[in-house]
Amino acid sequence: MNIGYARVSTQEQNLDLQLDELKKAGAEKVFKEKVSGGKWEAERPELDKALNFVREGDKLIIWKLDRLGRSLPQLIRTVNQLKDKSVELKSLKENIDTSSATGKLMFHIFGSLAEFERDMIKERVKAGLISARERGRLGGRPTAIKDEKEKLFLELVKDDTITKLEKCRRLEISRATYWRMVKKIKK
């Protein structure tokens, strides 16, 4: 039996393209979910259901390797689970079919490239954050204290007769923002 698995990372994304391609490839039953690929298998219940559903002689069809997992160890673990059950894997975008020796080789090559791409993205993000910090940009949410509230904030911080909770209420900020601002003025 041909079993399909489709996944998108966010609720805003749409599964239609993957579902259409899986049906064209002959998937008779499709498991679908909306969850980040960075999550481990335990957090992808539909993938778990698909892996439990497949039987010897079945083929799991996916649209693209990164739908199955984002790291090479994760992909290899999943493929080994399938191999232990005598189930083949077919990836449509990469044209990989593990029922052949060439397909197995291509799976490992594309899996390595997918992991490499993810690592490169992480490195670029980290380098960008370091560069921004060196220029004085901290990122994150903008402060909840605007210029007009800053004077009131400075007065309230010094006033020991008012509780911190009341200070937060007057400023219309959270306690976390209050403590970040206190920390900031102590620098």
Protein backbone atom coordinates (compact mmCIF):
# COMPACT_ATOMS: atom_id res chain seq x y z
CA MET A 1 0.00 0.00 0.00
CA ASN A 2 1.21 3.54 -0.74
CA ILE A 3 0.97 5.74 2.37
CA GLY A 4 1.45 9.50 2.17
CA TYR A 5 2.73 11.91 4.80
CA ALA A 6 2.33 15.69 4.42
CA ARG A 7 3.50 18.37 6.83
CA VAL A 8 3.63 22.15 6.95
CA SER A 9 5.39 24.15 9.64
CA THR A 10 2.74 26.70 10.59
CA GLN A 11 -1.02 26.92 10.82
CA GLU A 12 -1.00 29.63 8.13
CA GLN A 13 0.63 27.33 5.57
CA ASN A 14 -1.43 25.15 3.26
CA LEU A 15 -1.13 21.39 2.65
CA ASP A 16 -2.92 21.41 -0.72
CA LEU A 17 0.18 21.26 -2.96
CA GLN A 18 1.62 18.32 -1.04
CA LEU A 19 -1.71 16.49 -0.92
CA ASP A 20 -2.20 16.90 -4.68
CA GLU A 21 1.30 15.57 -5.39
CA LEU A 22 0.87 12.63 -3.00
CA LYS A 23 -2.40 11.64 -4.67
CA LYS A 24 -0.77 11.85 -8.13
CA ALA A 25 1.99 9.55 -6.83
CA GLY A 26 -0.60 6.97 -5.81
CA ALA A 27 -0.91 7.55 -2.06
CA GLU A 28 -3.99 5.65 -0.92
CA LYS A 29 -3.99 6.99 2.64
CA VAL A 30 -2.41 10.29 3.73
CA PHE A 31 -1.38 11.42 7.20
CA LYS A 32 -1.15 15.21 7.48
CA GLU A 33 -0.16 17.69 10.16
CA LYS A 34 0.88 21.25 10.85
CA VAL A 35 3.92 21.28 13.12
CA SER A 36 7.49 22.60 12.92
CA GLY A 37 10.07 20.28 11.37
CA GLY A 38 12.51 21.20 14.10
CA LYS A 39 10.40 19.28 16.59
CA TRP A 40 11.34 15.70 17.38
CA GLU A 41 9.20 12.74 16.41
CA ALA A 42 7.41 12.65 19.76
CA GLU A 43 5.90 16.02 18.92
CA ARG A 44 4.65 14.94 15.48
CA PRO A 45 1.74 12.63 16.25
CA GLU A 46 0.61 12.15 12.63
CA LEU A 47 4.09 11.00 11.60
CA ASP A 48 4.01 8.55 14.50
CA LYS A 49 0.62 7.29 13.31
CA ALA A 50 1.94 6.88 9.77
CA LEU A 51 4.99 4.96 10.99
CA ASN A 52 2.78 2.71 13.11
CA PHE A 53 0.31 2.23 10.24
CA VAL A 54 2.76 1.08 7.56
CA ARG A 55 3.27 -2.65 7.09
CA GLU A 56 5.80 -4.84 5.32
CA GLY A 57 5.76 -4.16 1.57
CA ASP A 58 4.22 -0.67 1.93
CA LYS A 59 5.81 2.51 0.64
CA LEU A 60 5.79 5.82 2.55
CA ILE A 61 5.56 8.70 0.08
CA ILE A 62 6.58 12.22 1.06
CA TRP A 63 6.65 15.40 -1.00
CA LYS A 64 10.16 16.42 0.11
CA LEU A 65 12.78 15.05 2.53
CA ASP A 66 12.53 18.04 4.86
CA ARG A 67 8.88 17.13 5.49
CA LEU A 68 10.09 13.97 7.22
CA GLY A 69 12.84 15.54 9.32
CA ARG A 70 15.27 18.43 9.39
CA SER A 71 18.44 16.70 10.55
CA LEU A 72 20.31 13.80 9.02
CA PRO A 73 20.18 11.69 12.23
CA GLN A 74 16.41 12.27 12.39
CA LEU A 75 15.96 11.25 8.74
CA ILE A 76 18.19 8.19 9.09
CA ARG A 77 16.35 7.10 12.24
CA THR A 78 13.01 7.32 10.43
CA VAL A 79 14.30 5.50 7.34
CA ASN A 80 15.79 2.79 9.57
CA GLN A 81 12.40 2.39 11.27
CA LEU A 82 10.87 1.94 7.84
CA LYS A 83 13.62 -0.47 6.75
CA ASP A 84 13.12 -2.57 9.91
CA LYS A 85 9.47 -2.98 8.88
CA SER A 86 10.47 -3.68 5.23
CA VAL A 87 8.82 -0.42 4.15
CA GLU A 88 10.33 1.73 1.38
CA LEU A 89 10.48 5.53 1.22
CA LYS A 90 9.78 7.67 -1.82
CA SER A 91 10.50 11.41 -1.87
CA LEU A 92 8.85 13.13 -4.82
CA LYS A 93 10.84 16.39 -5.07
CA GLU A 94 14.26 14.75 -4.78
CA ASN A 95 13.14 11.75 -6.87
CA ILE A 96 14.44 9.32 -4.25
CA ASP A 97 13.11 5.80 -3.92
CA THR A 98 14.86 3.64 -1.32
CA SER A 99 13.74 0.46 -3.05
CA SER A 100 16.93 0.79 -5.16
CA ALA A 101 20.62 1.06 -4.17
CA THR A 102 20.88 4.38 -6.02
CA GLY A 103 17.83 5.68 -4.16
CA LYS A 104 19.43 4.78 -0.83
CA LEU A 105 22.63 6.62 -1.79
CA MET A 106 20.68 9.66 -2.97
CA PHE A 107 18.71 9.69 0.27
CA HIS A 108 21.91 9.98 2.30
CA ILE A 109 23.33 12.68 0.03
CA PHE A 110 20.16 14.79 0.06
CA GLY A 111 19.73 14.24 3.80
CA SER A 112 23.26 15.55 4.38
CA LEU A 113 22.57 18.56 2.18
CA ALA A 114 19.32 19.35 4.03
CA GLU A 115 21.15 19.23 7.37
CA PHE A 116 23.96 21.38 5.95
CA GLU A 117 21.43 23.97 4.74
CA ARG A 118 19.78 24.14 8.15
CA ASP A 119 23.15 24.55 9.88
CA MET A 120 24.11 27.32 7.46
CA ILE A 121 20.87 29.18 8.21
CA LYS A 122 21.59 28.92 11.95
CA GLU A 123 25.13 30.24 11.43
CA ARG A 124 23.90 33.18 9.32
CA VAL A 125 21.28 34.10 11.92
CA LYS A 126 23.85 33.90 14.72
CA ALA A 127 26.34 36.04 12.76
CA GLY A 128 23.61 38.58 12.00
CA LEU A 129 22.66 38.84 15.68
CA ILE A 130 26.30 39.32 16.71
CA SER A 131 26.75 42.00 14.05
CA ALA A 132 23.58 43.79 15.17
CA ARG A 133 24.66 43.69 18.84
CA GLU A 134 28.04 45.18 17.90
CA ARG A 135 26.12 48.07 16.34
CA GLY A 136 24.08 48.54 19.51
CA ARG A 137 20.89 46.87 18.26
CA LEU A 138 19.53 44.38 20.75
CA GLY A 139 16.59 43.00 18.84
CA GLY A 140 13.53 41.60 20.55
CA ARG A 141 10.44 43.57 21.38
CA PRO A 142 10.62 47.33 21.61
CA THR A 143 10.38 48.71 25.11
CA ALA A 144 6.89 49.21 26.47
CA ILE A 145 8.02 52.48 28.08
CA LYS A 146 7.65 55.41 25.70
CA ASP A 147 9.33 58.76 26.22
CA GLU A 148 6.25 60.27 27.88
CA LYS A 149 6.16 57.45 30.43
CA GLU A 150 9.88 57.42 31.10
CA LYS A 151 9.76 60.41 33.47
CA LEU A 152 6.87 58.84 35.41
CA PHE A 153 8.75 55.52 35.47
CA LEU A 154 11.84 57.17 36.97
CA GLU A 155 9.71 58.85 39.65
CA LEU A 156 7.84 55.66 40.53
CA VAL A 157 11.00 53.57 40.79
CA LYS A 158 12.27 55.88 43.54
CA ASP A 159 8.95 55.88 45.44
CA ASP A 160 9.11 53.16 48.12
CA THR A 161 5.57 53.86 49.34
CA ILE A 162 4.00 52.24 46.26
CA THR A 163 4.16 48.51 45.56
CA LYS A 164 5.85 47.30 42.39
CA LEU A 165 2.54 45.82 41.25
CA GLU A 166 0.86 49.22 41.59
CA LYS A 167 3.74 50.87 39.71
CA CYS A 168 3.23 48.40 36.86
CA ARG A 169 -0.51 49.12 36.82
CA ARG A 170 0.04 52.87 36.65
CA LEU A 171 2.57 52.49 33.84
CA GLU A 172 0.45 49.85 32.09
CA ILE A 173 3.39 47.48 31.78
CA SER A 174 4.13 43.92 32.89
CA ARG A 175 6.35 43.10 35.86
CA ALA A 176 8.93 41.65 33.45
CA THR A 177 9.09 44.98 31.58
CA TYR A 178 9.35 46.82 34.88
CA TRP A 179 12.37 44.74 35.94
CA ARG A 180 14.02 45.06 32.51
CA MET A 181 13.68 48.83 32.75
CA VAL A 182 15.04 48.90 36.30
CA LYS A 183 18.00 46.84 35.15
CA LYS A 184 18.49 49.19 32.21
CA ILE A 185 18.62 52.36 34.36
CA LYS A 186 21.12 50.76 36.76
CA LYS A 187 23.64 50.39 33.93
